[in-house]
């Protein structure tokens, strides 16, 4: 049975959630552009194969000639890829009144939003996320950007999409590993603000397709609550960085070394690191640390590619969240509660990294 769609408004962006959400796309396009000739699609090779045919079947006005396809994968989220897309848009005749539809996972949402926000000083864009990671995180909230010289999302901007269409039925195209990639962000949402949500997620059967609509909705609601109060991450929005200071360092290292590690896997590891820091700082109980660790271990099986914590700490020093040369962490006060702007000595960070490495 299909879930009826719901709409959540985040700032000036309408987020449609449900298996029938795409039925509203033609009306949105009609409102945003004067003709369908002004619409361009950015997608990756995976989404083009598995999702784009479904989308075009529902919306026949979308034309093949205006489809730009890039290779799948985080390692393609680079300025060189942006140049290729800007060049293609220029050759296709896209002007500043055009609209870009980003169809794909988290990398496409980040990259496509950045391309749109910079092309001719900014054109409108819409996200159609096709992975769980993109649905609950990358496609909403208005953070766009690309990786730069081994640093995650180092070049970017704040740019709000005009609309987002979250269609849970697309999850049927994902394998378990890709589902877990997005699930890590959901666990993060629960840990920082909603203990009830955490208790629901920690017992979740990933094979159960019936409840994804409501779970995705809850994660989007949490992101709405935080980002509307702090759209440019000057204060409260830093809560969403839990697990990401350490996680992004590991992910950046793996991208540079071409190690196969997904964003959500790095964040899962990073949440253990930062939960351990929370414990050592006296904010998180041992019982809570063990619960978080055991839950993450239940879902994730990682082969750690690095043992030298100093390498990761050095990467953390270039993290965009830092201030005055200090590595910035978000900590847990307990399950469902968090605080921002904490700093630690290298020795303490090293101990937390070694604790997390020892779990896998």
Protein backbone atom coordinates (compact mmCIF):
# COMPACT_ATOMS: atom_id res chain seq x y z
CA UNK A 1 0.00 0.00 0.00
CA UNK A 2 1.37 3.40 -0.96
CA UNK A 3 1.74 6.07 1.68
CA UNK A 4 -0.12 9.29 1.05
CA UNK A 5 2.24 12.18 0.66
CA UNK A 6 2.79 14.87 3.28
CA UNK A 7 4.40 18.26 2.98
CA UNK A 8 6.86 19.83 5.41
CA UNK A 9 8.00 23.40 4.84
CA UNK A 10 11.62 24.17 5.76
CA UNK A 11 12.27 27.88 5.31
CA UNK A 12 11.26 28.57 1.69
CA UNK A 13 11.50 24.92 0.64
CA UNK A 14 8.54 22.55 0.36
CA UNK A 15 9.53 18.96 1.19
CA UNK A 16 7.06 16.39 -0.15
CA UNK A 17 7.31 12.98 1.53
CA UNK A 18 5.61 9.78 0.40
CA UNK A 19 5.40 7.23 -2.38
CA UNK A 20 3.07 9.55 -4.30
CA UNK A 21 5.10 12.70 -3.74
CA UNK A 22 6.23 12.96 -7.36
CA UNK A 23 2.68 13.61 -8.51
CA UNK A 24 3.21 17.19 -7.28
CA UNK A 25 6.38 17.74 -9.32
CA UNK A 26 4.71 18.87 -12.58
CA UNK A 27 2.73 21.56 -10.74
CA UNK A 28 5.88 22.76 -8.98
CA UNK A 29 7.75 22.91 -12.27
CA UNK A 30 4.94 24.88 -13.87
CA UNK A 31 5.10 27.36 -11.00
CA UNK A 32 8.88 27.76 -11.09
CA UNK A 33 9.62 27.92 -14.82
CA UNK A 34 7.89 29.32 -17.86
CA UNK A 35 8.41 26.20 -19.96
CA UNK A 36 9.82 22.70 -19.59
CA UNK A 37 12.64 23.65 -21.98
CA UNK A 38 14.19 25.59 -19.07
CA UNK A 39 14.49 22.46 -16.92
CA UNK A 40 17.74 20.47 -16.72
CA UNK A 41 18.42 17.21 -14.92
CA UNK A 42 21.61 16.28 -13.12
CA UNK A 43 21.95 12.63 -12.20
CA UNK A 44 24.58 9.94 -11.74
CA UNK A 45 25.05 6.67 -13.57
CA UNK A 46 23.35 4.63 -10.83
CA UNK A 47 20.23 6.79 -10.51
CA UNK A 48 19.98 7.11 -14.28
CA UNK A 49 19.76 3.34 -14.55
CA UNK A 50 17.48 2.54 -11.61
CA UNK A 51 15.39 5.64 -10.90
CA UNK A 52 15.27 8.00 -13.88
CA UNK A 53 13.12 5.64 -16.00
CA UNK A 54 10.50 5.60 -13.22
CA UNK A 55 10.60 9.36 -12.98
CA UNK A 56 10.31 9.96 -16.71
CA UNK A 57 7.40 7.54 -16.89
CA UNK A 58 5.57 9.64 -14.32
CA UNK A 59 6.59 12.96 -15.86
CA UNK A 60 6.84 12.61 -19.65
CA UNK A 61 7.63 16.34 -20.05
CA UNK A 62 11.21 15.70 -18.90
CA UNK A 63 13.33 15.56 -22.02
CA UNK A 64 16.36 13.36 -22.74
CA UNK A 65 18.33 16.19 -24.31
CA UNK A 66 18.53 18.09 -21.05
CA UNK A 67 19.95 15.25 -18.92
CA UNK A 68 23.49 15.59 -17.57
CA UNK A 69 24.98 12.39 -16.18
CA UNK A 70 28.11 12.06 -14.05
CA UNK A 71 29.79 9.03 -12.55
CA UNK A 72 28.52 7.76 -9.21
CA UNK A 73 30.55 8.08 -6.03
CA UNK A 74 31.80 10.59 -3.48
CA UNK A 75 35.21 10.79 -5.17
CA UNK A 76 33.51 12.56 -8.10
CA UNK A 77 32.23 15.37 -5.84
CA UNK A 78 35.01 17.71 -6.97
CA UNK A 79 35.43 21.12 -8.59
CA UNK A 80 36.55 19.41 -11.81
CA UNK A 81 33.12 17.74 -12.01
CA UNK A 82 31.46 21.12 -11.42
CA UNK A 83 33.39 22.53 -14.37
CA UNK A 84 32.08 19.75 -16.60
CA UNK A 85 28.49 20.44 -15.52
CA UNK A 86 28.81 24.23 -15.85
CA UNK A 87 30.22 23.71 -19.33
CA UNK A 88 27.40 21.37 -20.28
CA UNK A 89 24.75 23.79 -18.98
CA UNK A 90 26.35 26.58 -20.97
CA UNK A 91 26.43 24.54 -24.17
CA UNK A 92 22.79 23.52 -23.65
CA UNK A 93 21.84 27.18 -23.39
CA UNK A 94 20.82 27.23 -19.75
CA UNK A 95 20.25 30.79 -18.55
CA UNK A 96 19.77 32.30 -15.11
CA UNK A 97 16.03 31.53 -15.26
CA UNK A 98 16.63 27.81 -15.71
CA UNK A 99 15.95 25.17 -13.08
CA UNK A 100 18.14 22.18 -12.22
CA UNK A 101 16.65 18.93 -10.89
CA UNK A 102 19.17 16.86 -8.93
CA UNK A 103 18.27 13.17 -9.02
CA UNK A 104 20.51 10.89 -7.00
CA UNK A 105 22.16 10.27 -3.67
CA UNK A 106 23.95 12.51 -1.21
CA UNK A 107 26.81 13.41 -3.53
CA UNK A 108 24.39 14.56 -6.23
CA UNK A 109 22.42 16.68 -3.72
CA UNK A 110 25.63 18.34 -2.47
CA UNK A 111 27.22 18.78 -5.88
CA UNK A 112 24.05 19.73 -7.77
CA UNK A 113 23.06 22.31 -5.19
CA UNK A 114 26.54 23.86 -5.38
CA UNK A 115 26.49 23.91 -9.18
CA UNK A 116 23.07 25.59 -9.15
CA UNK A 117 24.02 28.13 -6.49
CA UNK A 118 27.05 29.29 -8.50
CA UNK A 119 25.95 29.00 -12.14
CA UNK A 120 25.28 32.54 -13.40
CA UNK A 121 25.32 33.65 -9.73
CA UNK A 122 22.59 31.18 -8.89
CA UNK A 123 19.71 29.33 -10.52
CA UNK A 124 16.79 27.56 -8.90
CA UNK A 125 17.08 23.87 -8.11
CA UNK A 126 15.01 20.92 -6.88
CA UNK A 127 16.23 17.73 -5.21
CA UNK A 128 14.84 14.26 -5.85
CA UNK A 129 16.86 12.10 -3.44
CA UNK A 130 17.15 8.45 -4.36
CA UNK A 131 19.09 7.09 -1.36
CA UNK A 132 18.27 7.03 2.33
CA UNK A 133 21.28 9.25 3.04
CA UNK A 134 20.04 11.91 0.63
CA UNK A 135 16.45 11.67 1.88
CA UNK A 136 17.20 12.25 5.56
CA UNK A 137 20.25 14.48 5.27
CA UNK A 138 21.91 15.79 2.11
CA UNK A 139 18.83 16.93 0.17
CA UNK A 140 17.33 19.07 2.95
CA UNK A 141 18.76 21.90 5.01
CA UNK A 142 20.49 23.94 2.33
CA UNK A 143 24.14 22.93 2.76
CA UNK A 144 25.79 22.46 -0.64
CA UNK A 145 29.39 21.89 -1.57
CA UNK A 146 32.22 19.76 -2.87
CA UNK A 147 35.32 18.10 -1.47
CA UNK A 148 38.64 19.87 -2.00
CA UNK A 149 42.17 18.43 -1.77
CA UNK A 150 41.08 15.63 0.53
CA UNK A 151 38.86 17.78 2.76
CA UNK A 152 35.15 17.00 3.01
CA UNK A 153 32.76 19.69 1.75
CA UNK A 154 35.55 22.26 2.06
CA UNK A 155 34.17 24.44 -0.74
CA UNK A 156 30.49 25.23 -0.49
CA UNK A 157 27.63 27.52 0.39
CA UNK A 158 24.24 27.72 2.04
CA UNK A 159 21.60 27.48 -0.67
CA UNK A 160 18.00 26.35 -0.16
CA UNK A 161 16.33 24.19 -2.83
CA UNK A 162 12.94 25.29 -4.07
CA UNK A 163 11.47 21.86 -3.36
CA UNK A 164 12.47 18.33 -2.37
CA UNK A 165 10.59 15.17 -3.33
CA UNK A 166 11.23 12.25 -0.99
CA UNK A 167 9.88 9.02 -2.43
CA UNK A 168 10.53 6.05 -0.07
CA UNK A 169 9.72 3.49 -2.78
CA UNK A 170 13.09 4.34 -4.35
CA UNK A 171 14.70 2.60 -1.36
CA UNK A 172 13.85 -0.73 -2.98
CA UNK A 173 16.71 -0.07 -5.42
CA UNK A 174 19.29 0.02 -2.58
CA UNK A 175 21.29 -2.80 -1.05
CA UNK A 176 21.73 -3.17 2.71
CA UNK A 177 25.02 -1.32 2.77
CA UNK A 178 23.56 1.77 1.10
CA UNK A 179 20.59 1.66 3.47
CA UNK A 180 22.98 1.61 6.42
CA UNK A 181 24.82 4.58 4.95
CA UNK A 182 21.73 6.74 5.46
CA UNK A 183 20.67 4.98 8.65
CA UNK A 184 23.75 6.39 10.41
CA UNK A 185 22.41 9.92 9.97
CA UNK A 186 19.07 8.83 11.42
CA UNK A 187 20.84 7.40 14.45
CA UNK A 188 22.64 10.71 14.80
CA UNK A 189 19.36 12.66 14.69
CA UNK A 190 18.00 10.47 17.44
CA UNK A 191 21.09 10.65 19.64
CA UNK A 192 21.33 14.44 19.60
CA UNK A 193 17.69 15.27 20.28
CA UNK A 194 15.15 12.43 20.55
CA UNK A 195 15.58 9.43 22.87
CA UNK A 196 12.20 7.97 21.86
CA UNK A 197 13.32 7.97 18.24
CA UNK A 198 16.59 6.29 19.27
CA UNK A 199 14.72 3.52 21.06
CA UNK A 200 12.70 2.92 17.90
CA UNK A 201 15.70 2.90 15.60
CA UNK A 202 17.96 0.67 17.70
CA UNK A 203 15.52 -2.23 17.31
CA UNK A 204 14.70 -1.57 13.67
CA UNK A 205 14.53 -4.35 11.11
CA UNK A 206 16.00 -2.76 7.99
CA UNK A 207 14.09 -5.22 5.81
CA UNK A 208 10.73 -3.89 7.01
CA UNK A 209 9.58 -1.51 4.30
CA UNK A 210 6.36 -0.41 6.00
CA UNK A 211 7.66 2.22 8.37
CA UNK A 212 10.26 4.13 6.34
CA UNK A 213 7.87 6.95 5.49
CA UNK A 214 7.37 7.93 9.13
CA UNK A 215 11.00 7.39 10.10
CA UNK A 216 12.25 9.58 7.27
CA UNK A 217 9.66 12.17 8.18
CA UNK A 218 10.89 12.25 11.80
CA UNK A 219 14.50 12.80 10.72
CA UNK A 220 13.43 15.62 8.40
CA UNK A 221 11.38 17.17 11.22
CA UNK A 222 14.46 17.14 13.47
CA UNK A 223 16.54 18.76 10.77
CA UNK A 224 13.80 21.35 10.20
CA UNK A 225 13.65 22.21 13.88
CA UNK A 226 17.39 22.78 14.05
CA UNK A 227 18.12 24.44 10.71
CA UNK A 228 15.24 26.91 10.80
CA UNK A 229 16.54 28.23 14.11
CA UNK A 230 20.12 28.44 12.82
CA UNK A 231 20.26 28.26 9.01
CA UNK A 232 23.96 29.16 8.67
CA UNK A 233 25.38 27.05 11.51
CA UNK A 234 26.38 29.79 13.91
CA UNK A 235 25.07 27.98 16.95
CA UNK A 236 22.36 25.32 17.28
CA UNK A 237 22.95 23.73 13.86
CA UNK A 238 26.34 22.53 15.08
CA UNK A 239 24.41 19.78 16.91
CA UNK A 240 24.06 18.05 13.53
CA UNK A 241 27.84 17.67 13.42
CA UNK A 242 27.86 14.95 16.06
CA UNK A 243 30.01 12.09 14.77
CA UNK A 244 31.20 14.17 11.83
CA UNK A 245 34.42 15.75 13.09
CA UNK A 246 36.02 12.33 13.50
CA UNK A 247 33.91 10.72 10.78
CA UNK A 248 34.80 13.25 8.10
CA UNK A 249 38.50 12.84 8.89
CA UNK A 250 38.27 9.09 8.35
CA UNK A 251 36.18 9.56 5.22
CA UNK A 252 38.61 12.11 3.77
CA UNK A 253 41.53 9.75 4.43
CA UNK A 254 39.72 6.89 2.70
CA UNK A 255 38.81 9.04 -0.32
CA UNK A 256 42.45 10.05 -0.72
CA UNK A 257 43.66 6.44 -0.41
CA UNK A 258 40.77 5.09 -2.54
CA UNK A 259 39.59 2.91 0.35
CA UNK A 260 35.98 1.76 -0.03
CA UNK A 261 34.23 3.42 2.92
CA UNK A 262 30.83 5.13 2.70
CA UNK A 263 29.89 8.38 4.42
CA UNK A 264 27.47 6.72 6.82
CA UNK A 265 30.05 4.10 7.78
CA UNK A 266 32.53 6.84 8.63
CA UNK A 267 29.89 8.69 10.66
CA UNK A 268 28.96 5.51 12.54
CA UNK A 269 32.61 5.14 13.54
CA UNK A 270 32.81 8.86 14.31
CA UNK A 271 29.80 8.66 16.63
CA UNK A 272 31.61 6.05 18.72
CA UNK A 273 34.68 8.30 18.87
CA UNK A 274 32.66 11.29 19.97
CA UNK A 275 30.46 9.30 22.35
CA UNK A 276 33.69 8.17 24.03
CA UNK A 277 34.82 11.80 24.30
CA UNK A 278 31.43 12.60 25.84
CA UNK A 279 31.96 9.83 28.36
CA UNK A 280 35.47 10.96 29.23
CA UNK A 281 34.21 14.52 29.70
CA UNK A 282 31.71 13.27 32.27
CA UNK A 283 28.67 14.11 30.15
CA UNK A 284 27.70 10.58 29.08
CA UNK A 285 27.32 7.58 31.35
CA UNK A 286 29.25 4.37 30.78
CA UNK A 287 25.94 2.57 30.32
CA UNK A 288 24.91 4.98 27.55
CA UNK A 289 28.31 4.71 25.86
CA UNK A 290 28.04 0.92 25.85
CA UNK A 291 24.48 1.09 24.50
CA UNK A 292 25.52 3.39 21.66
CA UNK A 293 28.58 1.29 20.87
CA UNK A 294 26.72 -2.02 20.88
CA UNK A 295 23.90 -0.63 18.73
CA UNK A 296 26.28 0.68 16.09
CA UNK A 297 28.27 -2.56 16.14
CA UNK A 298 25.03 -4.49 15.62
CA UNK A 299 24.45 -2.78 12.29
CA UNK A 300 27.94 -1.92 11.05
CA UNK A 301 30.89 -4.17 10.25
CA UNK A 302 33.87 -2.04 9.30
CA UNK A 303 37.42 -2.94 8.38
CA UNK A 304 39.43 -0.05 9.74
CA UNK A 305 41.95 1.10 7.12
CA UNK A 306 44.25 3.05 9.44
CA UNK A 307 45.75 2.59 12.87
CA UNK A 308 47.72 5.86 13.28
CA UNK A 309 45.40 8.24 15.10
CA UNK A 310 47.81 11.13 14.55
CA UNK A 311 47.02 11.05 10.82
CA UNK A 312 43.30 11.48 11.49
CA UNK A 313 43.89 14.18 14.09
CA UNK A 314 45.95 16.14 11.56
CA UNK A 315 43.08 15.92 9.07
CA UNK A 316 40.70 17.14 11.78
CA UNK A 317 42.83 20.26 12.18
CA UNK A 318 41.62 21.42 8.74
CA UNK A 319 37.95 20.79 9.53
CA UNK A 320 35.77 23.78 8.56
CA UNK A 321 34.01 23.71 11.96
CA UNK A 322 37.20 24.63 13.82
CA UNK A 323 37.86 28.03 15.38
CA UNK A 324 41.18 29.53 16.50
CA UNK A 325 43.00 26.34 15.58
CA UNK A 326 40.99 24.17 17.98
CA UNK A 327 39.26 20.99 16.78
CA UNK A 328 35.56 21.41 17.45
CA UNK A 329 33.34 18.58 18.68
CA UNK A 330 29.65 18.14 19.44
CA UNK A 331 29.11 15.95 22.52
CA UNK A 332 26.24 13.99 24.00
CA UNK A 333 24.81 14.92 27.41
CA UNK A 334 22.96 11.62 27.28
CA UNK A 335 20.97 9.71 24.69
CA UNK A 336 18.66 12.31 23.14
CA UNK A 337 20.56 15.38 24.32
CA UNK A 338 23.67 17.16 23.04
CA UNK A 339 25.88 20.24 23.37
CA UNK A 340 28.22 22.10 21.02
CA UNK A 341 31.74 23.56 20.98
CA UNK A 342 34.02 21.22 22.91
CA UNK A 343 37.77 20.89 22.52
CA UNK A 344 40.19 18.18 23.61
CA UNK A 345 43.90 17.54 23.77
CA UNK A 346 45.40 15.22 21.17
CA UNK A 347 45.94 12.54 23.79
CA UNK A 348 42.21 12.44 24.60
CA UNK A 349 41.22 12.31 20.92
CA UNK A 350 43.77 9.56 20.30
CA UNK A 351 42.30 7.51 23.16
CA UNK A 352 38.79 7.91 21.71
CA UNK A 353 39.98 6.87 18.22
CA UNK A 354 41.67 3.80 19.63
CA UNK A 355 38.50 2.90 21.53
CA UNK A 356 36.43 3.15 18.33
CA UNK A 357 38.99 1.19 16.28
CA UNK A 358 38.90 -1.54 18.88
CA UNK A 359 35.19 -2.09 18.26
CA UNK A 360 35.67 -3.31 14.67
